[in-house]
Every structure is written in C-alpha cells, then in structure tokens.
C-alpha cells in the first residue's frame, strides 16, 4: 500500500496528535489519505514555510523591528545594571530608565 506525506489544512486531532494548520503528517496510508482529503482536513503535498514564532511586524524575521525613536533600550538596561548591580524591571520604558539613572545614586 502506498504511503503519502500530507499537510494539515486546519486544526484537528489525528490519532493522539494535535495538529495545526501547516503541520506535516508523514506516511499516511492510501485509504486514510483519501478520507482526510475528502473531508478537507489535509492535502497531499509539502509543508509550506512557516512564519517565525515571534514575527510581530510580518517581515519574515523573528522578533519585531527596532523603533524609529532612536531609543537604545539594551544599552540603557546595560547602563542601569552596571550602575546599580541589578537588572531593570522589564516593563520600564526607555524614558523611565533614563529618569531613574539621572535621579538616583548608586548603592555602595
């Protein structure tokens, strides 16, 4: 019996697996492959390229693009850590870190 590689069209369960759109199903037997195709759950073919998980701005690169404001948040965080010896609260904006660096004195 011929086996086929298939790609899930939508989200569904196949056996014990939870499949999402674009997931690969390998070595599906002929009758089962025809059934999945007839039900519109999967199609024979190759897996399409997936977007990176954290592609926030849809440019195909993981992560977001840098803001155009000129804020260098990693450099500000490094300066804060060097000055105070502890990490910055992750929710602080660049302006907040600048303000705290300017008004506070380092602990000795």
N, C-alpha and C. Protein backbone atom coordinates (compact mmCIF):
# COMPACT_ATOMS: atom_id res chain seq x y z
N UNK A 1 0.84 -1.18 0.00
CA UNK A 1 0.00 0.00 0.00
C UNK A 1 0.89 1.24 0.00
N UNK A 2 0.51 2.22 -0.78
CA UNK A 2 1.31 3.44 -0.91
C UNK A 2 1.05 4.38 0.26
N UNK A 3 2.12 4.95 0.73
CA UNK A 3 2.03 5.94 1.81
C UNK A 3 2.23 7.33 1.22
N UNK A 4 1.56 8.32 1.81
CA UNK A 4 1.67 9.68 1.33
C UNK A 4 2.02 10.60 2.49
N UNK A 5 2.76 11.65 2.17
CA UNK A 5 3.00 12.71 3.14
C UNK A 5 1.95 13.78 2.91
N UNK A 6 1.31 14.23 3.99
CA UNK A 6 0.22 15.18 3.87
C UNK A 6 0.48 16.39 4.76
N UNK A 7 -0.24 17.46 4.49
CA UNK A 7 -0.15 18.70 5.26
C UNK A 7 -1.53 19.03 5.79
N UNK A 8 -1.63 19.35 7.09
CA UNK A 8 -2.92 19.70 7.69
C UNK A 8 -3.40 21.03 7.14
N UNK A 9 -4.67 21.11 6.77
CA UNK A 9 -5.26 22.34 6.25
C UNK A 9 -5.76 23.22 7.40
N UNK A 10 -6.24 22.60 8.45
CA UNK A 10 -6.74 23.34 9.62
C UNK A 10 -6.31 22.65 10.89
N UNK A 11 -6.86 23.08 12.01
CA UNK A 11 -6.55 22.47 13.30
C UNK A 11 -7.47 21.26 13.52
N UNK A 12 -6.88 20.12 13.88
CA UNK A 12 -7.67 18.94 14.21
C UNK A 12 -6.79 17.92 14.91
N UNK A 13 -7.42 16.88 15.45
CA UNK A 13 -6.68 15.80 16.11
C UNK A 13 -6.54 14.64 15.13
N UNK A 14 -5.36 14.05 15.13
CA UNK A 14 -5.09 12.90 14.28
C UNK A 14 -4.43 11.86 15.17
N UNK A 15 -5.17 10.84 15.54
CA UNK A 15 -4.66 9.88 16.50
C UNK A 15 -4.52 10.56 17.85
N UNK A 16 -3.32 10.56 18.38
CA UNK A 16 -3.08 11.23 19.66
C UNK A 16 -2.43 12.59 19.48
N UNK A 17 -2.23 13.01 18.24
CA UNK A 17 -1.57 14.29 17.97
C UNK A 17 -2.57 15.41 17.80
N UNK A 18 -2.19 16.60 18.20
CA UNK A 18 -2.97 17.81 17.99
C UNK A 18 -2.29 18.57 16.86
N UNK A 19 -2.92 18.64 15.71
CA UNK A 19 -2.31 19.25 14.54
C UNK A 19 -2.82 20.67 14.32
N UNK A 20 -1.93 21.53 13.87
CA UNK A 20 -2.29 22.89 13.49
C UNK A 20 -2.12 23.03 12.00
N UNK A 21 -2.63 24.12 11.45
CA UNK A 21 -2.51 24.35 10.02
C UNK A 21 -1.04 24.37 9.62
N UNK A 22 -0.69 23.60 8.61
CA UNK A 22 0.67 23.55 8.10
C UNK A 22 1.51 22.43 8.68
N UNK A 23 1.00 21.70 9.71
CA UNK A 23 1.75 20.59 10.28
C UNK A 23 1.81 19.43 9.30
N UNK A 24 2.91 18.71 9.32
CA UNK A 24 3.15 17.60 8.41
C UNK A 24 2.64 16.30 9.03
N UNK A 25 1.97 15.50 8.23
CA UNK A 25 1.54 14.15 8.63
C UNK A 25 2.28 13.20 7.70
N UNK A 26 3.18 12.41 8.24
CA UNK A 26 4.02 11.55 7.41
C UNK A 26 3.44 10.14 7.30
N UNK A 27 3.63 9.55 6.15
CA UNK A 27 3.30 8.16 5.85
C UNK A 27 1.86 7.80 6.18
N UNK A 28 0.93 8.52 5.58
CA UNK A 28 -0.49 8.21 5.73
C UNK A 28 -0.86 7.19 4.67
N UNK A 29 -1.55 6.11 5.07
CA UNK A 29 -1.92 5.05 4.14
C UNK A 29 -2.97 5.55 3.15
N UNK A 30 -3.02 4.93 1.99
CA UNK A 30 -3.89 5.34 0.89
C UNK A 30 -5.34 5.66 1.25
N UNK A 31 -6.09 4.69 1.85
CA UNK A 31 -7.49 4.96 2.16
C UNK A 31 -7.66 6.11 3.17
N UNK A 32 -6.82 6.14 4.16
CA UNK A 32 -6.90 7.20 5.16
C UNK A 32 -6.54 8.56 4.55
N UNK A 33 -5.58 8.57 3.64
CA UNK A 33 -5.20 9.81 2.95
C UNK A 33 -6.36 10.33 2.11
N UNK A 34 -7.04 9.42 1.41
CA UNK A 34 -8.20 9.84 0.61
C UNK A 34 -9.31 10.39 1.49
N UNK A 35 -9.51 9.78 2.66
CA UNK A 35 -10.54 10.24 3.59
C UNK A 35 -10.21 11.64 4.12
N UNK A 36 -8.96 11.85 4.54
CA UNK A 36 -8.56 13.17 5.05
C UNK A 36 -8.71 14.23 3.97
N UNK A 37 -8.39 13.87 2.74
CA UNK A 37 -8.53 14.82 1.63
C UNK A 37 -10.00 15.11 1.34
N UNK A 38 -10.85 14.08 1.36
CA UNK A 38 -12.27 14.25 1.07
C UNK A 38 -12.95 15.10 2.14
N UNK A 39 -12.51 14.97 3.39
CA UNK A 39 -13.10 15.74 4.48
C UNK A 39 -12.53 17.17 4.56
N UNK A 40 -11.53 17.44 3.75
CA UNK A 40 -10.94 18.78 3.74
C UNK A 40 -10.06 19.06 4.95
N UNK A 41 -9.51 18.02 5.54
CA UNK A 41 -8.68 18.19 6.73
C UNK A 41 -7.19 18.27 6.39
N UNK A 42 -6.80 17.64 5.30
CA UNK A 42 -5.39 17.62 4.91
C UNK A 42 -5.30 17.49 3.40
N UNK A 43 -4.13 17.81 2.89
CA UNK A 43 -3.89 17.67 1.45
C UNK A 43 -2.51 17.06 1.24
N UNK A 44 -2.36 16.37 0.13
CA UNK A 44 -1.08 15.78 -0.20
C UNK A 44 -0.16 16.91 -0.65
N UNK A 45 1.03 16.91 -0.14
CA UNK A 45 1.96 17.94 -0.56
C UNK A 45 3.04 18.19 0.47
N UNK A 46 3.80 19.20 0.18
CA UNK A 46 4.90 19.55 1.07
C UNK A 46 4.46 20.65 2.01
N UNK A 47 5.13 20.69 3.11
CA UNK A 47 4.86 21.69 4.13
C UNK A 47 5.26 23.06 3.62
N UNK A 48 4.40 24.03 3.85
CA UNK A 48 4.75 25.39 3.44
C UNK A 48 5.60 26.03 4.53
N UNK A 49 6.35 26.99 4.13
CA UNK A 49 7.23 27.66 5.08
C UNK A 49 6.39 28.38 6.13
N UNK A 50 6.78 28.24 7.38
CA UNK A 50 6.07 28.90 8.45
C UNK A 50 6.72 30.21 8.80
N UNK A 51 5.90 31.12 9.28
CA UNK A 51 6.43 32.38 9.80
C UNK A 51 7.16 32.10 11.10
N UNK A 52 8.21 32.83 11.40
CA UNK A 52 8.84 32.67 12.71
C UNK A 52 7.81 32.94 13.81
N UNK A 53 8.01 32.30 14.95
CA UNK A 53 7.03 32.37 16.02
C UNK A 53 6.78 33.79 16.50
N UNK A 54 7.78 34.60 16.60
CA UNK A 54 7.63 35.94 17.15
C UNK A 54 7.77 37.02 16.09
N UNK A 55 7.19 36.79 14.93
CA UNK A 55 7.27 37.77 13.86
C UNK A 55 6.14 38.79 14.05
N UNK A 56 6.42 39.85 14.82
CA UNK A 56 5.38 40.81 15.19
C UNK A 56 5.01 41.76 14.07
N UNK A 57 5.93 42.05 13.18
CA UNK A 57 5.64 43.03 12.14
C UNK A 57 5.53 42.41 10.74
N UNK A 58 5.38 41.10 10.67
CA UNK A 58 5.15 40.37 9.41
C UNK A 58 6.20 40.63 8.34
N UNK A 59 7.46 40.78 8.74
CA UNK A 59 8.50 40.98 7.74
C UNK A 59 9.30 39.70 7.50
N UNK A 60 8.90 38.56 8.13
CA UNK A 60 9.56 37.29 7.91
C UNK A 60 10.76 37.06 8.79
N UNK A 61 11.08 37.99 9.68
CA UNK A 61 12.22 37.87 10.58
C UNK A 61 11.70 37.77 11.99
N UNK A 62 12.29 36.86 12.78
CA UNK A 62 11.84 36.68 14.15
C UNK A 62 12.06 37.95 14.95
N UNK A 63 11.09 38.27 15.79
CA UNK A 63 11.15 39.48 16.61
C UNK A 63 10.58 40.66 15.86
N UNK A 64 10.53 41.77 16.52
CA UNK A 64 10.00 42.97 15.89
C UNK A 64 11.11 43.84 15.36
N UNK A 65 10.74 44.82 14.61
CA UNK A 65 11.74 45.75 14.10
C UNK A 65 12.04 46.79 15.16
N UNK A 66 13.18 47.44 15.04
CA UNK A 66 13.56 48.46 16.00
C UNK A 66 12.66 49.68 15.84
N UNK A 67 12.38 50.31 16.96
CA UNK A 67 11.57 51.51 16.91
C UNK A 67 12.36 52.63 16.27
N UNK A 68 11.67 53.51 15.61
CA UNK A 68 12.32 54.61 14.91
C UNK A 68 12.59 55.81 15.82
N UNK A 69 12.32 55.67 17.12
CA UNK A 69 12.50 56.79 18.04
C UNK A 69 13.95 56.99 18.43
N UNK A 70 14.81 56.05 18.13
CA UNK A 70 16.21 56.17 18.48
C UNK A 70 16.51 55.66 19.87
N UNK A 71 15.55 55.07 20.55
CA UNK A 71 15.78 54.54 21.89
C UNK A 71 16.63 53.29 21.80
N UNK A 72 17.70 53.26 22.54
CA UNK A 72 18.55 52.08 22.57
C UNK A 72 18.33 51.39 23.91
N UNK A 73 17.23 50.67 24.02
CA UNK A 73 16.83 50.04 25.27
C UNK A 73 17.87 49.07 25.81
N UNK A 74 18.49 48.20 24.99
CA UNK A 74 19.52 47.30 25.55
C UNK A 74 20.70 48.06 26.18
N UNK A 75 21.12 49.16 25.56
CA UNK A 75 22.22 49.93 26.11
C UNK A 75 21.82 50.59 27.43
N UNK A 76 20.59 51.10 27.50
CA UNK A 76 20.11 51.70 28.74
C UNK A 76 20.00 50.66 29.85
N UNK A 77 19.53 49.47 29.51
CA UNK A 77 19.44 48.40 30.51
C UNK A 77 20.82 47.99 31.02
N UNK A 78 21.79 47.93 30.09
CA UNK A 78 23.16 47.59 30.50
C UNK A 78 23.74 48.67 31.41
N UNK A 79 23.48 49.93 31.10
CA UNK A 79 23.97 51.03 31.94
C UNK A 79 23.34 50.97 33.33
N UNK A 80 22.05 50.68 33.39
CA UNK A 80 21.36 50.58 34.68
C UNK A 80 21.96 49.44 35.50
N UNK A 81 22.17 48.29 34.85
CA UNK A 81 22.73 47.14 35.56
C UNK A 81 24.14 47.42 36.04
N UNK A 82 24.94 48.13 35.24
CA UNK A 82 26.30 48.47 35.65
C UNK A 82 26.30 49.45 36.82
N UNK A 83 25.36 50.37 36.83
CA UNK A 83 25.31 51.40 37.87
C UNK A 83 24.77 50.86 39.19
N UNK A 84 23.72 50.05 39.12
CA UNK A 84 23.05 49.60 40.33
C UNK A 84 23.33 48.16 40.71
N UNK A 85 23.89 47.38 39.81
CA UNK A 85 24.21 45.99 40.12
C UNK A 85 23.00 45.07 40.12
N UNK A 86 21.90 45.50 39.55
CA UNK A 86 20.71 44.65 39.43
C UNK A 86 20.03 44.93 38.10
N UNK A 87 19.21 43.98 37.71
CA UNK A 87 18.56 44.10 36.41
C UNK A 87 17.39 45.07 36.45
N UNK A 88 17.07 45.60 35.30
CA UNK A 88 15.98 46.56 35.14
C UNK A 88 14.65 45.81 35.13
N UNK A 89 13.60 46.42 35.68
CA UNK A 89 12.26 45.88 35.56
C UNK A 89 11.89 45.88 34.08
N UNK A 90 11.42 44.76 33.58
CA UNK A 90 11.20 44.59 32.15
C UNK A 90 10.10 45.49 31.59
N UNK A 91 9.23 45.99 32.45
CA UNK A 91 8.12 46.82 31.98
C UNK A 91 8.47 48.29 31.85
N UNK A 92 9.67 48.69 32.25
CA UNK A 92 10.05 50.10 32.19
C UNK A 92 10.40 50.51 30.76
N UNK A 93 9.96 51.68 30.37
CA UNK A 93 10.28 52.22 29.06
C UNK A 93 11.67 52.85 29.11
N UNK A 94 12.16 53.27 27.95
CA UNK A 94 13.48 53.91 27.88
C UNK A 94 13.47 55.22 28.68
N UNK A 95 12.36 55.95 28.62
CA UNK A 95 12.28 57.21 29.36
C UNK A 95 12.35 56.97 30.86
N UNK A 96 11.68 55.91 31.33
CA UNK A 96 11.69 55.59 32.76
C UNK A 96 13.09 55.21 33.23
N UNK A 97 13.80 54.43 32.42
CA UNK A 97 15.16 54.03 32.79
C UNK A 97 16.07 55.25 32.81
N UNK A 98 15.93 56.12 31.82
CA UNK A 98 16.72 57.36 31.80
C UNK A 98 16.46 58.21 33.05
N UNK A 99 15.19 58.32 33.43
CA UNK A 99 14.83 59.12 34.59
C UNK A 99 15.45 58.54 35.86
N UNK A 100 15.37 57.23 36.02
CA UNK A 100 15.93 56.59 37.21
C UNK A 100 17.46 56.68 37.23
N UNK A 101 18.09 56.58 36.07
CA UNK A 101 19.54 56.74 36.02
C UNK A 101 19.96 58.16 36.40
N UNK A 102 19.17 59.14 35.98
CA UNK A 102 19.54 60.53 36.23
C UNK A 102 19.33 60.94 37.68
N UNK A 103 18.29 60.47 38.33
CA UNK A 103 17.97 60.97 39.67
C UNK A 103 18.50 60.12 40.82
N UNK A 104 18.84 58.89 40.58
CA UNK A 104 19.26 58.00 41.67
C UNK A 104 20.77 57.95 41.81
N UNK A 105 21.21 57.64 43.00
CA UNK A 105 22.63 57.44 43.26
C UNK A 105 22.86 55.96 43.43
N UNK A 106 23.99 55.46 42.98
CA UNK A 106 24.24 54.01 43.10
C UNK A 106 24.47 53.61 44.56
N UNK A 107 24.09 52.37 44.84
CA UNK A 107 24.31 51.82 46.18
C UNK A 107 25.76 51.42 46.29
N UNK A 108 26.38 51.71 47.44
CA UNK A 108 27.78 51.36 47.64
C UNK A 108 27.93 50.26 48.64
